[in-house]
PDB file of all heavy atoms in Angstrom:
ATOM      1  N   VAL A   1      10.426   6.543   8.680  1.00  0.00           N
ATOM      2  CA  VAL A   1      11.272   5.597   7.939  1.00  0.00           C
ATOM      3  C   VAL A   1      10.720   5.461   6.529  1.00  0.00           C
ATOM      4  O   VAL A   1       9.595   5.877   6.251  1.00  0.00           O
ATOM      5  CB  VAL A   1      11.316   4.203   8.685  1.00  0.00           C
ATOM      6  CG1 VAL A   1      11.802   4.329  10.073  1.00  0.00           C
ATOM      7  CG2 VAL A   1       9.979   3.530   8.617  1.00  0.00           C
ATOM      8  N   ALA A   2      11.505   4.846   5.680  1.00  0.00           N
ATOM      9  CA  ALA A   2      10.923   4.399   4.396  1.00  0.00           C
ATOM     10  C   ALA A   2      10.113   3.168   4.622  1.00  0.00           C
ATOM     11  O   ALA A   2      10.429   2.351   5.500  1.00  0.00           O
ATOM     12  CB  ALA A   2      12.118   4.140   3.395  1.00  0.00           C
ATOM     13  N   THR A   3       9.092   2.948   3.816  1.00  0.00           N
ATOM     14  CA  THR A   3       8.223   1.824   3.983  1.00  0.00           C
ATOM     15  C   THR A   3       8.036   1.093   2.648  1.00  0.00           C
ATOM     16  O   THR A   3       8.047   1.674   1.610  1.00  0.00           O
ATOM     17  CB  THR A   3       6.884   2.280   4.563  1.00  0.00           C
ATOM     18  OG1 THR A   3       6.054   1.076   4.756  1.00  0.00           O
ATOM     19  CG2 THR A   3       6.143   3.152   3.583  1.00  0.00           C
ATOM     20  N   ILE A   4       7.855  -0.201   2.806  1.00  0.00           N
ATOM     21  CA  ILE A   4       7.494  -1.078   1.660  1.00  0.00           C
ATOM     22  C   ILE A   4       6.037  -1.003   1.336  1.00  0.00           C
ATOM     23  O   ILE A   4       5.615  -1.154   0.230  1.00  0.00           O
ATOM     24  CB  ILE A   4       7.980  -2.548   1.921  1.00  0.00           C
ATOM     25  CG1 ILE A   4       9.452  -2.593   2.036  1.00  0.00           C
ATOM     26  CG2 ILE A   4       7.506  -3.436   0.801  1.00  0.00           C
ATOM     27  CD1 ILE A   4      10.032  -3.955   2.557  1.00  0.00           C
ATOM     28  N   GLY A   5       5.215  -0.752   2.348  1.00  0.00           N
ATOM     29  CA  GLY A   5       3.768  -0.879   2.223  1.00  0.00           C
ATOM     30  C   GLY A   5       3.078   0.335   1.538  1.00  0.00           C
ATOM     31  O   GLY A   5       2.622   1.271   2.195  1.00  0.00           O
ATOM     32  N   LEU A   6       3.003   0.254   0.215  1.00  0.00           N
ATOM     33  CA  LEU A   6       2.409   1.342  -0.514  1.00  0.00           C
ATOM     34  C   LEU A   6       0.897   1.421  -0.285  1.00  0.00           C
ATOM     35  O   LEU A   6       0.320   2.533  -0.362  1.00  0.00           O
ATOM     36  CB  LEU A   6       2.690   1.205  -2.039  1.00  0.00           C
ATOM     37  CG  LEU A   6       4.121   1.054  -2.412  1.00  0.00           C
ATOM     38  CD1 LEU A   6       4.221   1.184  -4.019  1.00  0.00           C
ATOM     39  CD2 LEU A   6       5.017   2.066  -1.777  1.00  0.00           C
ATOM     40  N   GLY A   7       0.250   0.299  -0.053  1.00  0.00           N
ATOM     41  CA  GLY A   7      -1.174   0.337   0.166  1.00  0.00           C
ATOM     42  C   GLY A   7      -1.510   1.140   1.425  1.00  0.00           C
ATOM     43  O   GLY A   7      -2.400   2.028   1.479  1.00  0.00           O
ATOM     44  N   ARG A   8      -0.770   0.808   2.525  1.00  0.00           N
ATOM     45  CA  ARG A   8      -0.968   1.526   3.739  1.00  0.00           C
ATOM     46  C   ARG A   8      -0.677   3.012   3.586  1.00  0.00           C
ATOM     47  O   ARG A   8      -1.341   3.878   4.139  1.00  0.00           O
ATOM     48  CB  ARG A   8      -0.174   0.854   4.843  1.00  0.00           C
ATOM     49  CG  ARG A   8      -0.274   1.589   6.206  1.00  0.00           C
ATOM     50  CD  ARG A   8       0.307   0.823   7.363  1.00  0.00           C
ATOM     51  NE  ARG A   8       0.386   1.627   8.530  1.00  0.00           N
ATOM     52  CZ  ARG A   8       0.820   1.188   9.713  1.00  0.00           C
ATOM     53  NH1 ARG A   8       1.289  -0.002   9.818  1.00  0.00           N
ATOM     54  NH2 ARG A   8       0.911   1.966  10.799  1.00  0.00           N
ATOM     55  N   ALA A   9       0.427   3.301   2.859  1.00  0.00           N
ATOM     56  CA  ALA A   9       0.817   4.689   2.621  1.00  0.00           C
ATOM     57  C   ALA A   9      -0.311   5.459   1.884  1.00  0.00           C
ATOM     58  O   ALA A   9      -0.633   6.566   2.262  1.00  0.00           O
ATOM     59  CB  ALA A   9       2.090   4.773   1.877  1.00  0.00           C
ATOM     60  N   LEU A  10      -0.932   4.773   0.851  1.00  0.00           N
ATOM     61  CA  LEU A  10      -1.982   5.499   0.143  1.00  0.00           C
ATOM     62  C   LEU A  10      -3.201   5.715   1.039  1.00  0.00           C
ATOM     63  O   LEU A  10      -3.763   6.805   1.032  1.00  0.00           O
ATOM     64  CB  LEU A  10      -2.374   4.632  -1.057  1.00  0.00           C
ATOM     65  CG  LEU A  10      -3.565   5.178  -1.864  1.00  0.00           C
ATOM     66  CD1 LEU A  10      -3.250   6.536  -2.437  1.00  0.00           C
ATOM     67  CD2 LEU A  10      -3.975   4.227  -2.986  1.00  0.00           C
ATOM     68  N   LEU A  11      -3.588   4.718   1.831  1.00  0.00           N
ATOM     69  CA  LEU A  11      -4.707   4.890   2.766  1.00  0.00           C
ATOM     70  C   LEU A  11      -4.433   6.053   3.687  1.00  0.00           C
ATOM     71  O   LEU A  11      -5.316   6.905   3.978  1.00  0.00           O
ATOM     72  CB  LEU A  11      -4.976   3.593   3.538  1.00  0.00           C
ATOM     73  CG  LEU A  11      -6.073   2.725   2.937  1.00  0.00           C
ATOM     74  CD1 LEU A  11      -5.619   2.122   1.627  1.00  0.00           C
ATOM     75  CD2 LEU A  11      -6.392   1.565   3.900  1.00  0.00           C
ATOM     76  N   SER A  12      -3.192   6.158   4.265  1.00  0.00           N
ATOM     77  CA  SER A  12      -2.831   7.221   5.136  1.00  0.00           C
ATOM     78  C   SER A  12      -2.888   8.605   4.460  1.00  0.00           C
ATOM     79  O   SER A  12      -3.371   9.592   5.037  1.00  0.00           O
ATOM     80  CB  SER A  12      -1.434   6.969   5.723  1.00  0.00           C
ATOM     81  OG  SER A  12      -0.996   7.988   6.601  1.00  0.00           O
ATOM     82  N   ARG A  13      -2.462   8.635   3.182  1.00  0.00           N
ATOM     83  CA  ARG A  13      -2.496   9.879   2.467  1.00  0.00           C
ATOM     84  C   ARG A  13      -3.955  10.342   2.243  1.00  0.00           C
ATOM     85  O   ARG A  13      -4.361  11.509   2.421  1.00  0.00           O
ATOM     86  CB  ARG A  13      -1.735   9.814   1.165  1.00  0.00           C
ATOM     87  CG  ARG A  13      -1.822  11.076   0.340  1.00  0.00           C
ATOM     88  CD  ARG A  13      -0.572  11.367  -0.468  1.00  0.00           C
ATOM     89  NE  ARG A  13      -0.654  12.711  -0.996  1.00  0.00           N
ATOM     90  CZ  ARG A  13       0.305  13.208  -1.765  1.00  0.00           C
ATOM     91  NH1 ARG A  13       1.431  12.573  -2.023  1.00  0.00           N
ATOM     92  NH2 ARG A  13       0.224  14.461  -2.277  1.00  0.00           N
ATOM     93  N   LEU A  14      -4.820   9.434   1.831  1.00  0.00           N
ATOM     94  CA  LEU A  14      -6.196   9.753   1.558  1.00  0.00           C
ATOM     95  C   LEU A  14      -6.994  10.065   2.789  1.00  0.00           C
ATOM     96  O   LEU A  14      -7.763  11.069   2.858  1.00  0.00           O
ATOM     97  CB  LEU A  14      -6.851   8.593   0.797  1.00  0.00           C
ATOM     98  CG  LEU A  14      -6.432   8.356  -0.620  1.00  0.00           C
ATOM     99  CD1 LEU A  14      -7.041   7.068  -1.190  1.00  0.00           C
ATOM    100  CD2 LEU A  14      -6.812   9.511  -1.531  1.00  0.00           C
ATOM    101  N   ALA A  15      -6.886   9.283   3.871  1.00  0.00           N
ATOM    102  CA  ALA A  15      -7.649   9.410   5.048  1.00  0.00           C
ATOM    103  C   ALA A  15      -7.166  10.436   5.972  1.00  0.00           C
ATOM    104  O   ALA A  15      -7.932  11.102   6.725  1.00  0.00           O
ATOM    105  CB  ALA A  15      -7.814   8.124   5.731  1.00  0.00           C
ATOM    106  N   ASP A  16      -5.832  10.648   6.044  1.00  0.00           N
ATOM    107  CA  ASP A  16      -5.174  11.484   7.085  1.00  0.00           C
ATOM    108  C   ASP A  16      -4.306  12.562   6.483  1.00  0.00           C
ATOM    109  O   ASP A  16      -3.640  13.297   7.279  1.00  0.00           O
ATOM    110  CB  ASP A  16      -4.392  10.606   8.051  1.00  0.00           C
ATOM    111  CG  ASP A  16      -5.227   9.527   8.688  1.00  0.00           C
ATOM    112  OD1 ASP A  16      -6.281   9.823   9.181  1.00  0.00           O
ATOM    113  OD2 ASP A  16      -4.782   8.343   8.672  1.00  0.00           O
ATOM    114  N   SER A  17      -4.237  12.686   5.178  1.00  0.00           N
ATOM    115  CA  SER A  17      -3.461  13.768   4.491  1.00  0.00           C
ATOM    116  C   SER A  17      -1.971  13.706   4.820  1.00  0.00           C
ATOM    117  O   SER A  17      -1.284  14.705   4.735  1.00  0.00           O
ATOM    118  CB  SER A  17      -4.042  15.138   4.896  1.00  0.00           C
ATOM    119  OG  SER A  17      -5.354  15.235   4.520  1.00  0.00           O
ATOM    120  N   VAL A  18      -1.482  12.514   5.127  1.00  0.00           N
ATOM    121  CA  VAL A  18       0.001  12.353   5.341  1.00  0.00           C
ATOM    122  C   VAL A  18       0.608  12.310   3.921  1.00  0.00           C
ATOM    123  O   VAL A  18       0.187  11.499   3.079  1.00  0.00           O
ATOM    124  CB  VAL A  18       0.291  11.062   6.103  1.00  0.00           C
ATOM    125  CG1 VAL A  18       1.837  10.871   6.209  1.00  0.00           C
ATOM    126  CG2 VAL A  18      -0.289  11.133   7.516  1.00  0.00           C
ATOM    127  N   PRO A  19       1.605  13.155   3.608  1.00  0.00           N
ATOM    128  CA  PRO A  19       1.996  13.338   2.223  1.00  0.00           C
ATOM    129  C   PRO A  19       2.977  12.228   1.688  1.00  0.00           C
ATOM    130  O   PRO A  19       4.018  12.520   1.041  1.00  0.00           O
ATOM    131  CB  PRO A  19       2.704  14.675   2.258  1.00  0.00           C
ATOM    132  CG  PRO A  19       3.281  14.801   3.603  1.00  0.00           C
ATOM    133  CD  PRO A  19       2.228  14.113   4.492  1.00  0.00           C
ATOM    134  N   TRP A  20       2.635  10.976   1.893  1.00  0.00           N
ATOM    135  CA  TRP A  20       3.419   9.881   1.360  1.00  0.00           C
ATOM    136  C   TRP A  20       3.622   9.975  -0.175  1.00  0.00           C
ATOM    137  O   TRP A  20       2.689  10.348  -0.885  1.00  0.00           O
ATOM    138  CB  TRP A  20       2.878   8.532   1.690  1.00  0.00           C
ATOM    139  CG  TRP A  20       2.874   8.114   3.066  1.00  0.00           C
ATOM    140  CD1 TRP A  20       1.840   8.225   4.023  1.00  0.00           C
ATOM    141  CD2 TRP A  20       3.990   7.508   3.837  1.00  0.00           C
ATOM    142  NE1 TRP A  20       2.305   7.730   5.256  1.00  0.00           N
ATOM    143  CE2 TRP A  20       3.550   7.259   5.160  1.00  0.00           C
ATOM    144  CE3 TRP A  20       5.282   7.130   3.424  1.00  0.00           C
ATOM    145  CZ2 TRP A  20       4.404   6.673   6.048  1.00  0.00           C
ATOM    146  CZ3 TRP A  20       6.072   6.607   4.383  1.00  0.00           C
ATOM    147  CH2 TRP A  20       5.664   6.350   5.640  1.00  0.00           C
ATOM    148  N   VAL A  21       4.755   9.598  -0.684  1.00  0.00           N
ATOM    149  CA  VAL A  21       4.927   9.408  -2.113  1.00  0.00           C
ATOM    150  C   VAL A  21       5.674   8.064  -2.311  1.00  0.00           C
ATOM    151  O   VAL A  21       6.517   7.679  -1.518  1.00  0.00           O
ATOM    152  CB  VAL A  21       5.809  10.549  -2.742  1.00  0.00           C
ATOM    153  CG1 VAL A  21       4.987  11.785  -2.664  1.00  0.00           C
ATOM    154  CG2 VAL A  21       7.127  10.703  -2.056  1.00  0.00           C
ATOM    155  N   ALA A  22       5.284   7.404  -3.334  1.00  0.00           N
ATOM    156  CA  ALA A  22       5.866   6.067  -3.736  1.00  0.00           C
ATOM    157  C   ALA A  22       6.914   6.317  -4.785  1.00  0.00           C
ATOM    158  O   ALA A  22       6.706   7.003  -5.736  1.00  0.00           O
ATOM    159  CB  ALA A  22       4.748   5.201  -4.237  1.00  0.00           C
ATOM    160  N   LEU A  23       8.109   5.709  -4.598  1.00  0.00           N
ATOM    161  CA  LEU A  23       9.220   5.883  -5.451  1.00  0.00           C
ATOM    162  C   LEU A  23       9.596   4.617  -6.269  1.00  0.00           C
ATOM    163  O   LEU A  23      10.398   4.672  -7.207  1.00  0.00           O
ATOM    164  CB  LEU A  23      10.453   6.271  -4.634  1.00  0.00           C
ATOM    165  CG  LEU A  23      10.285   7.498  -3.693  1.00  0.00           C
ATOM    166  CD1 LEU A  23      11.535   7.712  -2.927  1.00  0.00           C
ATOM    167  CD2 LEU A  23       9.861   8.733  -4.520  1.00  0.00           C
ATOM    168  N   ASN A  24       8.983   3.530  -5.899  1.00  0.00           N
ATOM    169  CA  ASN A  24       9.190   2.264  -6.614  1.00  0.00           C
ATOM    170  C   ASN A  24       8.022   1.355  -6.385  1.00  0.00           C
ATOM    171  O   ASN A  24       7.418   1.355  -5.288  1.00  0.00           O
ATOM    172  CB  ASN A  24      10.528   1.573  -6.046  1.00  0.00           C
ATOM    173  CG  ASN A  24      11.029   0.480  -6.991  1.00  0.00           C
ATOM    174  OD1 ASN A  24      11.357   0.759  -8.134  1.00  0.00           O
ATOM    175  ND2 ASN A  24      11.113  -0.721  -6.496  1.00  0.00           N
ATOM    176  N   VAL A  25       7.703   0.607  -7.377  1.00  0.00           N
ATOM    177  CA  VAL A  25       6.541  -0.300  -7.307  1.00  0.00           C
ATOM    178  C   VAL A  25       6.914  -1.735  -7.751  1.00  0.00           C
ATOM    179  O   VAL A  25       7.567  -1.880  -8.829  1.00  0.00           O
ATOM    180  CB  VAL A  25       5.375   0.179  -8.240  1.00  0.00           C
ATOM    181  CG1 VAL A  25       4.285  -0.865  -8.367  1.00  0.00           C
ATOM    182  CG2 VAL A  25       4.776   1.484  -7.658  1.00  0.00           C
ATOM    183  N   ASN A  26       6.632  -2.670  -6.887  1.00  0.00           N
ATOM    184  CA  ASN A  26       7.014  -4.085  -7.197  1.00  0.00           C
ATOM    185  C   ASN A  26       6.014  -4.786  -8.094  1.00  0.00           C
ATOM    186  O   ASN A  26       6.339  -5.574  -8.947  1.00  0.00           O
ATOM    187  CB  ASN A  26       7.208  -4.893  -5.956  1.00  0.00           C
ATOM    188  CG  ASN A  26       8.341  -4.311  -5.112  1.00  0.00           C
ATOM    189  OD1 ASN A  26       9.219  -3.568  -5.594  1.00  0.00           O
ATOM    190  ND2 ASN A  26       8.334  -4.692  -3.817  1.00  0.00           N
ATOM    191  N   THR A  27       4.713  -4.577  -7.839  1.00  0.00           N
ATOM    192  CA  THR A  27       3.626  -5.289  -8.580  1.00  0.00           C
ATOM    193  C   THR A  27       2.356  -4.491  -8.478  1.00  0.00           C
ATOM    194  O   THR A  27       2.211  -3.616  -7.667  1.00  0.00           O
ATOM    195  CB  THR A  27       3.452  -6.709  -7.985  1.00  0.00           C
ATOM    196  OG1 THR A  27       2.424  -7.390  -8.751  1.00  0.00           O
ATOM    197  CG2 THR A  27       2.958  -6.662  -6.568  1.00  0.00           C
ATOM    198  N   HIS A  28       1.505  -4.755  -9.421  1.00  0.00           N
ATOM    199  CA  HIS A  28       0.163  -4.163  -9.440  1.00  0.00           C
ATOM    200  C   HIS A  28      -0.971  -5.140  -9.006  1.00  0.00           C
ATOM    201  O   HIS A  28      -2.134  -4.853  -9.083  1.00  0.00           O
ATOM    202  CB  HIS A  28      -0.176  -3.642 -10.826  1.00  0.00           C
ATOM    203  CG  HIS A  28       0.691  -2.437 -11.265  1.00  0.00           C
ATOM    204  ND1 HIS A  28       2.043  -2.624 -11.487  1.00  0.00           N
ATOM    205  CD2 HIS A  28       0.376  -1.153 -11.550  1.00  0.00           C
ATOM    206  CE1 HIS A  28       2.555  -1.441 -11.878  1.00  0.00           C
ATOM    207  NE2 HIS A  28       1.575  -0.582 -11.907  1.00  0.00           N
ATOM    208  N   ARG A  29      -0.482  -6.340  -8.561  1.00  0.00           N
ATOM    209  CA  ARG A  29      -1.486  -7.407  -8.231  1.00  0.00           C
ATOM    210  C   ARG A  29      -1.281  -7.835  -6.804  1.00  0.00           C
ATOM    211  O   ARG A  29      -0.327  -8.606  -6.477  1.00  0.00           O
ATOM    212  CB  ARG A  29      -1.214  -8.605  -9.114  1.00  0.00           C
ATOM    213  CG  ARG A  29      -1.346  -8.269 -10.615  1.00  0.00           C
ATOM    214  CD  ARG A  29      -2.686  -8.594 -11.209  1.00  0.00           C
ATOM    215  NE  ARG A  29      -2.696  -8.357 -12.640  1.00  0.00           N
ATOM    216  CZ  ARG A  29      -3.562  -8.915 -13.477  1.00  0.00           C
ATOM    217  NH1 ARG A  29      -4.464  -9.793 -12.955  1.00  0.00           N
ATOM    218  NH2 ARG A  29      -3.530  -8.629 -14.769  1.00  0.00           N
ATOM    219  N   PRO A  30      -2.064  -7.332  -5.869  1.00  0.00           N
ATOM    220  CA  PRO A  30      -1.939  -7.717  -4.418  1.00  0.00           C
ATOM    221  C   PRO A  30      -1.945  -9.229  -4.219  1.00  0.00           C
ATOM    222  O   PRO A  30      -2.827  -9.895  -4.702  1.00  0.00           O
ATOM    223  CB  PRO A  30      -3.081  -7.035  -3.756  1.00  0.00           C
ATOM    224  CG  PRO A  30      -3.492  -5.926  -4.668  1.00  0.00           C
ATOM    225  CD  PRO A  30      -3.273  -6.460  -6.032  1.00  0.00           C
ATOM    226  N   LEU A  31      -0.987  -9.724  -3.408  1.00  0.00           N
ATOM    227  CA  LEU A  31      -0.935 -11.193  -3.227  1.00  0.00           C
ATOM    228  C   LEU A  31      -1.697 -11.565  -1.946  1.00  0.00           C
ATOM    229  O   LEU A  31      -1.244 -11.881  -0.886  1.00  0.00           O
ATOM    230  CB  LEU A  31       0.559 -11.585  -3.009  1.00  0.00           C
ATOM    231  CG  LEU A  31       1.453 -11.496  -4.269  1.00  0.00           C
ATOM    232  CD1 LEU A  31       2.896 -11.867  -3.923  1.00  0.00           C
ATOM    233  CD2 LEU A  31       0.911 -12.283  -5.428  1.00  0.00           C
ATOM    234  N   PHE A  32      -3.073 -11.549  -2.197  1.00  0.00           N
ATOM    235  CA  PHE A  32      -3.993 -12.035  -1.186  1.00  0.00           C
ATOM    236  C   PHE A  32      -5.063 -12.903  -1.841  1.00  0.00           C
ATOM    237  O   PHE A  32      -5.448 -12.614  -2.965  1.00  0.00           O
ATOM    238  CB  PHE A  32      -4.633 -10.819  -0.395  1.00  0.00           C
ATOM    239  CG  PHE A  32      -3.695  -9.982   0.328  1.00  0.00           C
ATOM    240  CD1 PHE A  32      -3.133  -8.858  -0.251  1.00  0.00           C
ATOM    241  CD2 PHE A  32      -3.305 -10.317   1.641  1.00  0.00           C
ATOM    242  CE1 PHE A  32      -2.239  -8.072   0.425  1.00  0.00           C
ATOM    243  CE2 PHE A  32      -2.447  -9.556   2.325  1.00  0.00           C
ATOM    244  CZ  PHE A  32      -1.871  -8.412   1.702  1.00  0.00           C
ATOM    245  N   TRP A  33      -5.512 -13.900  -1.133  1.00  0.00           N
ATOM    246  CA  TRP A  33      -6.452 -14.880  -1.696  1.00  0.00           C
ATOM    247  C   TRP A  33      -7.549 -15.145  -0.720  1.00  0.00           C
ATOM    248  O   TRP A  33      -7.387 -15.130   0.506  1.00  0.00           O
ATOM    249  CB  TRP A  33      -5.766 -16.181  -1.970  1.00  0.00           C
ATOM    250  CG  TRP A  33      -4.663 -16.110  -2.996  1.00  0.00           C
ATOM    251  CD1 TRP A  33      -4.748 -16.462  -4.320  1.00  0.00           C
ATOM    252  CD2 TRP A  33      -3.282 -15.753  -2.806  1.00  0.00           C
ATOM    253  NE1 TRP A  33      -3.547 -16.282  -4.984  1.00  0.00           N
ATOM    254  CE2 TRP A  33      -2.617 -15.860  -4.038  1.00  0.00           C
ATOM    255  CE3 TRP A  33      -2.560 -15.310  -1.661  1.00  0.00           C
ATOM    256  CZ2 TRP A  33      -1.259 -15.542  -4.245  1.00  0.00           C
ATOM    257  CZ3 TRP A  33      -1.229 -14.987  -1.840  1.00  0.00           C
ATOM    258  CH2 TRP A  33      -0.613 -15.156  -3.081  1.00  0.00           C
ATOM    259  N   PHE A  34      -8.761 -15.445  -1.258  1.00  0.00           N
ATOM    260  CA  PHE A  34      -9.914 -15.955  -0.447  1.00  0.00           C
ATOM    261  C   PHE A  34      -9.817 -17.470  -0.511  1.00  0.00           C
ATOM    262  O   PHE A  34     -10.068 -18.071  -1.492  1.00  0.00           O
ATOM    263  CB  PHE A  34     -11.189 -15.438  -1.004  1.00  0.00           C
ATOM    264  CG  PHE A  34     -11.428 -13.983  -0.854  1.00  0.00           C
ATOM    265  CD1 PHE A  34     -10.945 -13.097  -1.807  1.00  0.00           C
ATOM    266  CD2 PHE A  34     -12.099 -13.501   0.251  1.00  0.00           C
ATOM    267  CE1 PHE A  34     -11.194 -11.699  -1.668  1.00  0.00           C
ATOM    268  CE2 PHE A  34     -12.334 -12.105   0.425  1.00  0.00           C
ATOM    269  CZ  PHE A  34     -11.832 -11.226  -0.542  1.00  0.00           C
ATOM    270  N   LEU A  35      -9.558 -18.059   0.630  1.00  0.00           N
ATOM    271  CA  LEU A  35      -9.400 -19.491   0.825  1.00  0.00           C
ATOM    272  C   LEU A  35     -10.562 -20.029   1.599  1.00  0.00           C
ATOM    273  O   LEU A  35     -10.862 -19.492   2.665  1.00  0.00           O
ATOM    274  CB  LEU A  35      -8.050 -19.824   1.516  1.00  0.00           C
ATOM    275  CG  LEU A  35      -7.682 -21.284   1.691  1.00  0.00           C
ATOM    276  CD1 LEU A  35      -7.441 -21.964   0.382  1.00  0.00           C
ATOM    277  CD2 LEU A  35      -6.385 -21.314   2.549  1.00  0.00           C
ATOM    278  N   ALA A  36     -11.234 -21.069   1.107  1.00  0.00           N
ATOM    279  CA  ALA A  36     -12.527 -21.537   1.795  1.00  0.00           C
ATOM    280  C   ALA A  36     -12.529 -23.026   1.949  1.00  0.00           C
ATOM    281  O   ALA A  36     -11.938 -23.753   1.195  1.00  0.00           O
ATOM    282  CB  ALA A  36     -13.728 -21.097   0.905  1.00  0.00           C
ATOM    283  N   ARG A  37     -13.260 -23.386   2.990  1.00  0.00           N
ATOM    284  CA  ARG A  37     -13.583 -24.805   3.187  1.00  0.00           C
ATOM    285  C   ARG A  37     -14.550 -25.259   2.158  1.00  0.00           C
ATOM    286  O   ARG A  37     -15.144 -24.490   1.423  1.00  0.00           O
ATOM    287  CB  ARG A  37     -14.355 -24.938   4.624  1.00  0.00           C
ATOM    288  CG  ARG A  37     -13.341 -24.827   5.807  1.00  0.00           C
ATOM    289  CD  ARG A  37     -14.146 -24.820   7.104  1.00  0.00           C
ATOM    290  NE  ARG A  37     -15.073 -25.930   7.244  1.00  0.00           N
ATOM    291  CZ  ARG A  37     -14.704 -27.193   7.594  1.00  0.00           C
ATOM    292  NH1 ARG A  37     -13.468 -27.441   7.950  1.00  0.00           N
ATOM    293  NH2 ARG A  37     -15.606 -28.143   7.683  1.00  0.00           N
TER     294      ARG A  37
END
């Protein structure tokens, strides 16, 4: 299928040689945060 997850696609291409290509990019800033007590 087509996938939204470009990060996973890149890891798969690097680690497993799956020939994914990205055709559209939404952002260059991953939306993840370190939240702490």
